[in-house]
C-alpha atoms as a PDB file:
ATOM      1  CA  LYS A   1     139.458  96.152 147.557  1.00  0.00           C
ATOM      2  CA  ASN A   2     136.375  95.193 149.406  1.00  0.00           C
ATOM      3  CA  GLU A   3     135.420  98.775 149.840  1.00  0.00           C
ATOM      4  CA  LEU A   4     135.708  99.329 146.014  1.00  0.00           C
ATOM      5  CA  ALA A   5     133.557  96.764 145.651  1.00  0.00           C
ATOM      6  CA  LYS A   6     130.815  98.127 147.377  1.00  0.00           C
ATOM      7  CA  ILE A   7     131.172 101.546 145.858  1.00  0.00           C
ATOM      8  CA  GLU A   8     131.160  99.795 142.319  1.00  0.00           C
ATOM      9  CA  GLU A   9     127.855  97.682 143.484  1.00  0.00           C
ATOM     10  CA  GLU A  10     126.298 101.002 144.522  1.00  0.00           C
ATOM     11  CA  ARG A  11     127.020 102.781 141.296  1.00  0.00           C
ATOM     12  CA  LYS A  12     125.489  99.917 139.322  1.00  0.00           C
ATOM     13  CA  ASN A  13     122.240 100.062 141.400  1.00  0.00           C
ATOM     14  CA  TRP A  14     121.751 103.850 140.863  1.00  0.00           C
ATOM     15  CA  VAL A  15     122.487 103.513 137.279  1.00  0.00           C
ATOM     16  CA  ALA A  16     120.048 100.712 136.831  1.00  0.00           C
ATOM     17  CA  LYS A  17     117.909 102.941 138.863  1.00  0.00           C
ATOM     18  CA  LEU A  18     118.007 105.631 136.829  1.00  0.00           C
ATOM     19  CA  GLU A  19     117.440 103.908 133.663  1.00  0.00           C
ATOM     20  CA  ALA A  20     114.553 102.154 134.913  1.00  0.00           C
ATOM     21  CA  GLU A  21     113.175 105.602 135.766  1.00  0.00           C
ATOM     22  CA  LYS A  22     113.787 106.983 132.345  1.00  0.00           C
ATOM     23  CA  GLN A  23     111.924 104.030 130.805  1.00  0.00           C
ATOM     24  CA  GLN A  24     109.152 104.252 132.923  1.00  0.00           C
ATOM     25  CA  LYS A  25     108.829 107.985 131.898  1.00  0.00           C
ATOM     26  CA  LYS A  26     108.889 107.024 128.101  1.00  0.00           C
ATOM     27  CA  ASP A  27     106.542 103.943 129.011  1.00  0.00           C
ATOM     28  CA  ALA A  28     104.111 106.632 130.372  1.00  0.00           C
ATOM     29  CA  ALA A  29     104.021 108.993 127.618  1.00  0.00           C
ATOM     30  CA  ALA A  30     103.459 106.135 125.599  1.00  0.00           C
ATOM     31  CA  SER A  31     100.895 104.544 127.330  1.00  0.00           C
ATOM     32  CA  GLU A  32      99.258 107.864 127.399  1.00  0.00           C
ATOM     33  CA  LEU A  33      99.324 108.296 123.628  1.00  0.00           C
ATOM     34  CA  LEU A  34      98.292 104.487 123.240  1.00  0.00           C
ATOM     35  CA  GLY A  35      95.065 105.457 125.665  1.00  0.00           C
ATOM     36  CA  SER A  36      93.957 108.716 124.071  1.00  0.00           C
ATOM     37  CA  VAL A  37      94.373 106.870 120.319  1.00  0.00           C
ATOM     38  CA  LYS A  38      92.264 103.998 121.504  1.00  0.00           C
ATOM     39  CA  ASN A  39      89.587 105.943 123.096  1.00  0.00           C
ATOM     40  CA  GLY A  40      89.209 108.532 120.361  1.00  0.00           C
ATOM     41  CA  GLY A  41      91.157 111.663 122.100  1.00  0.00           C
ATOM     42  CA  THR A  42      90.787 114.609 120.810  1.00  0.00           C
ATOM     43  CA  ASP A  43      94.529 115.966 121.186  1.00  0.00           C
ATOM     44  CA  LEU A  44      96.533 113.532 119.524  1.00  0.00           C
ATOM     45  CA  ASP A  45      98.611 116.007 118.065  1.00  0.00           C
ATOM     46  CA  LEU A  46     100.089 116.906 121.468  1.00  0.00           C
ATOM     47  CA  LYS A  47     100.401 113.409 122.407  1.00  0.00           C
ATOM     48  CA  VAL A  48     102.605 112.331 119.153  1.00  0.00           C
ATOM     49  CA  ARG A  49     104.614 115.513 120.087  1.00  0.00           C
ATOM     50  CA  ARG A  50     104.997 114.289 123.709  1.00  0.00           C
ATOM     51  CA  LEU A  51     105.855 110.723 122.578  1.00  0.00           C
ATOM     52  CA  TYR A  52     109.013 112.002 120.335  1.00  0.00           C
ATOM     53  CA  GLN A  53     110.035 114.750 122.721  1.00  0.00           C
ATOM     54  CA  VAL A  54     110.328 111.702 125.228  1.00  0.00           C
ATOM     55  CA  ASN A  55     112.411 109.833 122.880  1.00  0.00           C
ATOM     56  CA  ASN A  56     114.808 112.848 122.736  1.00  0.00           C
ATOM     57  CA  PHE A  57     113.761 113.827 119.191  1.00  0.00           C
ATOM     58  CA  GLY A  58     114.178 117.601 118.532  1.00  0.00           C
ATOM     59  CA  VAL A  59     110.717 119.228 118.076  1.00  0.00           C
ATOM     60  CA  TYR A  60     110.565 122.070 115.793  1.00  0.00           C
ATOM     61  CA  ASN A  61     106.917 123.635 115.228  1.00  0.00           C
ATOM     62  CA  SER A  62     106.044 125.094 111.835  1.00  0.00           C
ATOM     63  CA  ASP A  63     105.812 128.762 113.519  1.00  0.00           C
ATOM     64  CA  CYS A  64     109.405 128.397 115.025  1.00  0.00           C
ATOM     65  CA  ALA A  65     112.248 130.561 113.640  1.00  0.00           C
ATOM     66  CA  ARG A  66     113.935 127.143 113.177  1.00  0.00           C
ATOM     67  CA  PRO A  67     114.006 126.035 109.477  1.00  0.00           C
ATOM     68  CA  PHE A  68     112.082 123.170 107.723  1.00  0.00           C
ATOM     69  CA  PRO A  69     114.653 120.369 106.393  1.00  0.00           C
ATOM     70  CA  GLN A  70     116.643 121.809 103.328  1.00  0.00           C
ATOM     71  CA  GLY A  71     116.369 120.406  99.762  1.00  0.00           C
ATOM     72  CA  ILE A  72     113.440 119.909  97.477  1.00  0.00           C
ATOM     73  CA  THR A  73     110.210 122.313  98.094  1.00  0.00           C
ATOM     74  CA  THR A  74     107.317 121.014  96.249  1.00  0.00           C
ATOM     75  CA  GLU A  75     103.570 121.135  96.774  1.00  0.00           C
ATOM     76  CA  ALA A  76     102.740 117.965  98.843  1.00  0.00           C
ATOM     77  CA  GLU A  77      99.412 116.172  98.491  1.00  0.00           C
ATOM     78  CA  PHE A  78      98.456 113.414 101.057  1.00  0.00           C
ATOM     79  CA  VAL A  79      96.015 110.234 100.243  1.00  0.00           C
ATOM     80  CA  SER A  80      94.927 107.258 101.849  1.00  0.00           C
ATOM     81  CA  ASP A  81      93.287 104.646  99.951  1.00  0.00           C
ATOM     82  CA  HIS A  82      92.949 106.900  96.769  1.00  0.00           C
ATOM     83  CA  SER A  83      91.030 109.524  98.765  1.00  0.00           C
ATOM     84  CA  VAL A  84      92.944 113.072  99.610  1.00  0.00           C
ATOM     85  CA  LEU A  85      93.417 113.529 103.116  1.00  0.00           C
ATOM     86  CA  ARG A  86      93.362 117.088 104.266  1.00  0.00           C
ATOM     87  CA  PRO A  87      94.901 116.953 107.977  1.00  0.00           C
ATOM     88  CA  ALA A  88      95.461 120.350 110.070  1.00  0.00           C
ATOM     89  CA  THR A  89      98.770 118.989 110.725  1.00  0.00           C
ATOM     90  CA  ILE A  90     101.528 116.858 109.286  1.00  0.00           C
ATOM     91  CA  PHE A  91     104.366 115.058 111.480  1.00  0.00           C
ATOM     92  CA  LEU A  92     107.459 114.923 109.431  1.00  0.00           C
ATOM     93  CA  ILE A  93     109.770 112.748 111.208  1.00  0.00           C
ATOM     94  CA  SER A  94     113.399 112.487 110.267  1.00  0.00           C
ATOM     95  CA  HIS A  95     115.311 109.151 111.192  1.00  0.00           C
ATOM     96  CA  SER A  96     118.520 110.935 110.093  1.00  0.00           C
ATOM     97  CA  ASN A  97     118.791 113.276 112.864  1.00  0.00           C
ATOM     98  CA  SER A  98     116.040 112.501 115.342  1.00  0.00           C
ATOM     99  CA  MET A  99     113.787 115.363 114.426  1.00  0.00           C
ATOM    100  CA  LEU A 100     110.280 116.002 114.371  1.00  0.00           C
ATOM    101  CA  TYR A 101     108.905 119.016 112.188  1.00  0.00           C
ATOM    102  CA  THR A 102     105.290 120.307 112.391  1.00  0.00           C
ATOM    103  CA  TYR A 103     103.573 121.404 109.265  1.00  0.00           C
ATOM    104  CA  THR A 104     100.476 122.583 108.514  1.00  0.00           C
ATOM    105  CA  LEU A 105      98.429 122.106 105.686  1.00  0.00           C
ATOM    106  CA  LYS A 106      99.155 125.552 104.743  1.00  0.00           C
ATOM    107  CA  ASP A 107     102.844 124.443 104.562  1.00  0.00           C
ATOM    108  CA  ALA A 108     102.266 121.602 102.365  1.00  0.00           C
ATOM    109  CA  GLU A 109     101.980 124.116  99.592  1.00  0.00           C
ATOM    110  CA  ASN A 110     105.727 124.569  99.996  1.00  0.00           C
ATOM    111  CA  PHE A 111     106.529 121.244 101.584  1.00  0.00           C
ATOM    112  CA  LYS A 112     110.285 120.821 102.159  1.00  0.00           C
ATOM    113  CA  TYR A 113     112.347 117.932 102.590  1.00  0.00           C
ATOM    114  CA  ASP A 114     115.813 116.531 101.962  1.00  0.00           C
ATOM    115  CA  PRO A 115     115.668 113.426  99.443  1.00  0.00           C
ATOM    116  CA  LYS A 116     119.025 112.023 101.102  1.00  0.00           C
ATOM    117  CA  VAL A 117     117.163 111.652 104.526  1.00  0.00           C
ATOM    118  CA  ILE A 118     115.270 109.003 105.740  1.00  0.00           C
ATOM    119  CA  TYR A 119     111.792 110.113 106.763  1.00  0.00           C
ATOM    120  CA  THR A 120     108.442 108.802 108.177  1.00  0.00           C
ATOM    121  CA  MET A 121     105.256 111.107 108.548  1.00  0.00           C
ATOM    122  CA  LEU A 122     102.154 110.946 110.441  1.00  0.00           C
ATOM    123  CA  THR A 123      98.987 112.992 110.465  1.00  0.00           C
ATOM    124  CA  ILE A 124      95.650 112.927 112.722  1.00  0.00           C
ATOM    125  CA  LEU A 125      92.322 113.182 110.717  1.00  0.00           C
ATOM    126  CA  ASN A 126      89.128 112.295 112.895  1.00  0.00           C
ATOM    127  CA  ASP A 127      90.748 111.129 115.740  1.00  0.00           C
ATOM    128  CA  LYS A 128      92.715 108.351 113.393  1.00  0.00           C
ATOM    129  CA  LEU A 129      96.281 108.024 113.054  1.00  0.00           C
ATOM    130  CA  TYR A 130      97.755 107.798 109.462  1.00  0.00           C
ATOM    131  CA  VAL A 131     101.247 107.004 108.761  1.00  0.00           C
ATOM    132  CA  CYS A 132     103.449 107.526 105.850  1.00  0.00           C
ATOM    133  CA  ASP A 133     106.400 105.030 106.583  1.00  0.00           C
ATOM    134  CA  LYS A 134     109.820 105.200 105.392  1.00  0.00           C
ATOM    135  CA  ALA A 135     108.990 103.203 102.279  1.00  0.00           C
ATOM    136  CA  SER A 136     106.131 104.780 101.093  1.00  0.00           C
ATOM    137  CA  PHE A 137     107.912 108.316 101.888  1.00  0.00           C
ATOM    138  CA  SER A 138     110.752 107.213  99.330  1.00  0.00           C
ATOM    139  CA  ALA A 139     108.319 105.863  96.801  1.00  0.00           C
ATOM    140  CA  ALA A 140     106.160 109.077  97.011  1.00  0.00           C
ATOM    141  CA  THR A 141     104.804 109.990  93.157  1.00  0.00           C
ATOM    142  CA  LYS A 142     106.474 112.742  91.766  1.00  0.00           C
ATOM    143  CA  THR A 143     105.088 115.100  89.189  1.00  0.00           C
ATOM    144  CA  SER A 144     106.476 118.597  88.008  1.00  0.00           C
ATOM    145  CA  ASP A 145     103.911 120.656  90.071  1.00  0.00           C
ATOM    146  CA  LYS A 146     103.490 118.205  93.219  1.00  0.00           C
ATOM    147  CA  THR A 147     104.626 114.966  95.301  1.00  0.00           C
ATOM    148  CA  THR A 148     101.840 112.749  96.421  1.00  0.00           C
ATOM    149  CA  PHE A 149     102.510 110.944  99.824  1.00  0.00           C
ATOM    150  CA  THR A 150     100.607 107.893 100.618  1.00  0.00           C
ATOM    151  CA  PHE A 151      99.200 107.108 104.100  1.00  0.00           C
ATOM    152  CA  VAL A 152      97.909 103.939 105.730  1.00  0.00           C
ATOM    153  CA  GLN A 153      95.582 104.030 108.567  1.00  0.00           C
ATOM    154  CA  MET A 154      97.425 102.457 111.487  1.00  0.00           C
ATOM    155  CA  PRO A 155      95.470  99.593 113.117  1.00  0.00           C
ATOM    156  CA  MET A 156      94.936  99.992 116.810  1.00  0.00           C
ATOM    157  CA  ASP A 157      95.990  96.638 117.458  1.00  0.00           C
ATOM    158  CA  PHE A 158      98.881  97.466 119.730  1.00  0.00           C
ATOM    159  CA  THR A 159      98.654  96.433 123.204  1.00  0.00           C
ATOM    160  CA  ASP A 160     101.433  98.407 125.237  1.00  0.00           C
ATOM    161  CA  ALA A 161     103.744 101.324 124.811  1.00  0.00           C
ATOM    162  CA  GLU A 162     106.492  99.356 123.480  1.00  0.00           C
ATOM    163  CA  GLU A 163     104.518  97.835 120.710  1.00  0.00           C
ATOM    164  CA  LEU A 164     103.474 101.388 119.788  1.00  0.00           C
ATOM    165  CA  ARG A 165     106.965 102.524 119.739  1.00  0.00           C
ATOM    166  CA  LYS A 166     108.030  99.783 117.499  1.00  0.00           C
ATOM    167  CA  LYS A 167     105.405 100.506 114.859  1.00  0.00           C
ATOM    168  CA  LEU A 168     106.120 104.216 114.670  1.00  0.00           C
ATOM    169  CA  GLY A 169     109.646 103.578 114.437  1.00  0.00           C
ATOM    170  CA  VAL A 170     110.774 105.357 117.726  1.00  0.00           C
END
């Protein structure tokens, strides 16, 4: 019995060590994003992708053979404070199946999403991070020819990777 207890204790220690290493990798990736955003980094698109990859989201790019979500196809318009945003890249995050889809501004002309799925969108413009959260996405203004999604600039008041993850809903 004593030998079994020792083996079990070793197993628990290894599991704890592996979990700590996994969390450390996630924190490092998120901290890298945090530092880049706060320092006005120019490669925020890559940082956002990396944050979601580390958190086990599937990542599909607009030039990938994988399809965009099935469902509604609409022309998408992105606004913030009543101004139209024209970002080069838009990230559509599906919370239902942990997927990150990457759209270009050109893709926004035929923007696809499933109305039964919960989404958040992120975009980067002039080194500022903008978010269209779950509630704003669901409340998007729909007309016969387009859907308008409202974004807010994300305040840079987070202090660590965990707080950033919470704000992004990861």
